[in-house]
């Protein structure tokens, strides 16, 4: 159940970022929130790419 909640939260995060006005942040909280959203997405993308790369490496690499 906890895993499902994480997946749902991850799916809704971009919608929340848009709703927070990331195009025009109104205050410092919005700026931090939007930056953390971008960071989280970049982290997920990096982990995906790393996982793909590992399939092409041998164990010594």
C-alpha atoms as a PDB file:
ATOM      1  CA  UNK A   1       0.000   0.000   0.000  1.00  0.00           C
ATOM      2  CA  UNK A   2       2.847   2.371   0.833  1.00  0.00           C
ATOM      3  CA  UNK A   3       4.432   1.754  -2.581  1.00  0.00           C
ATOM      4  CA  UNK A   4       1.129   2.618  -4.257  1.00  0.00           C
ATOM      5  CA  UNK A   5       0.982   5.920  -2.358  1.00  0.00           C
ATOM      6  CA  UNK A   6       4.500   6.797  -3.507  1.00  0.00           C
ATOM      7  CA  UNK A   7       3.605   6.046  -7.134  1.00  0.00           C
ATOM      8  CA  UNK A   8       0.461   8.157  -6.919  1.00  0.00           C
ATOM      9  CA  UNK A   9       2.358  11.028  -5.289  1.00  0.00           C
ATOM     10  CA  UNK A  10       5.055  10.870  -7.978  1.00  0.00           C
ATOM     11  CA  UNK A  11       2.403  10.944 -10.689  1.00  0.00           C
ATOM     12  CA  UNK A  12       0.656  13.952  -9.165  1.00  0.00           C
ATOM     13  CA  UNK A  13       3.812  15.946  -8.375  1.00  0.00           C
ATOM     14  CA  UNK A  14       4.050  17.622 -11.799  1.00  0.00           C
ATOM     15  CA  UNK A  15       0.390  18.649 -11.523  1.00  0.00           C
ATOM     16  CA  UNK A  16       1.032  20.122  -8.097  1.00  0.00           C
ATOM     17  CA  UNK A  17       4.081  21.977  -9.404  1.00  0.00           C
ATOM     18  CA  UNK A  18       2.003  23.485 -12.188  1.00  0.00           C
ATOM     19  CA  UNK A  19      -0.720  24.421  -9.733  1.00  0.00           C
ATOM     20  CA  UNK A  20       1.872  26.094  -7.506  1.00  0.00           C
ATOM     21  CA  UNK A  21       2.674  28.446 -10.376  1.00  0.00           C
ATOM     22  CA  UNK A  22       6.178  27.288 -11.219  1.00  0.00           C
ATOM     23  CA  UNK A  23       6.108  29.475 -14.297  1.00  0.00           C
ATOM     24  CA  UNK A  24       5.774  32.518 -12.026  1.00  0.00           C
ATOM     25  CA  UNK A  25       6.625  31.632  -8.412  1.00  0.00           C
ATOM     26  CA  UNK A  26       5.018  34.100  -6.002  1.00  0.00           C
ATOM     27  CA  UNK A  27       7.334  33.638  -3.044  1.00  0.00           C
ATOM     28  CA  UNK A  28      10.373  31.790  -1.708  1.00  0.00           C
ATOM     29  CA  UNK A  29       8.319  28.710  -0.817  1.00  0.00           C
ATOM     30  CA  UNK A  30       7.103  28.388  -4.411  1.00  0.00           C
ATOM     31  CA  UNK A  31      10.673  28.756  -5.669  1.00  0.00           C
ATOM     32  CA  UNK A  32      11.977  26.041  -3.350  1.00  0.00           C
ATOM     33  CA  UNK A  33       9.022  23.770  -4.100  1.00  0.00           C
ATOM     34  CA  UNK A  34       9.465  24.139  -7.852  1.00  0.00           C
ATOM     35  CA  UNK A  35      13.232  23.649  -7.654  1.00  0.00           C
ATOM     36  CA  UNK A  36      12.762  20.481  -5.601  1.00  0.00           C
ATOM     37  CA  UNK A  37      10.280  19.190  -8.196  1.00  0.00           C
ATOM     38  CA  UNK A  38      12.808  19.753 -10.973  1.00  0.00           C
ATOM     39  CA  UNK A  39      15.545  18.132  -8.885  1.00  0.00           C
ATOM     40  CA  UNK A  40      13.385  15.088  -8.142  1.00  0.00           C
ATOM     41  CA  UNK A  41      12.600  14.588 -11.823  1.00  0.00           C
ATOM     42  CA  UNK A  42      16.275  14.961 -12.760  1.00  0.00           C
ATOM     43  CA  UNK A  43      17.199  12.406 -10.100  1.00  0.00           C
ATOM     44  CA  UNK A  44      14.640   9.926 -11.466  1.00  0.00           C
ATOM     45  CA  UNK A  45      15.916  10.475 -15.020  1.00  0.00           C
ATOM     46  CA  UNK A  46      19.527   9.976 -13.930  1.00  0.00           C
ATOM     47  CA  UNK A  47      18.663   6.749 -12.100  1.00  0.00           C
ATOM     48  CA  UNK A  48      16.826   5.457 -15.174  1.00  0.00           C
ATOM     49  CA  UNK A  49      19.761   6.199 -17.450  1.00  0.00           C
ATOM     50  CA  UNK A  50      22.218   4.637 -15.011  1.00  0.00           C
ATOM     51  CA  UNK A  51      20.112   1.483 -14.821  1.00  0.00           C
ATOM     52  CA  UNK A  52      20.091   1.257 -18.627  1.00  0.00           C
ATOM     53  CA  UNK A  53      23.846   1.794 -18.790  1.00  0.00           C
ATOM     54  CA  UNK A  54      24.513  -0.940 -16.228  1.00  0.00           C
ATOM     55  CA  UNK A  55      22.898  -3.504 -18.512  1.00  0.00           C
ATOM     56  CA  UNK A  56      25.656  -2.830 -21.071  1.00  0.00           C
ATOM     57  CA  UNK A  57      28.559  -3.158 -18.617  1.00  0.00           C
ATOM     58  CA  UNK A  58      30.266  -6.297 -17.467  1.00  0.00           C
ATOM     59  CA  UNK A  59      30.587  -6.947 -13.709  1.00  0.00           C
ATOM     60  CA  UNK A  60      34.185  -5.649 -13.602  1.00  0.00           C
ATOM     61  CA  UNK A  61      33.098  -2.267 -14.889  1.00  0.00           C
END
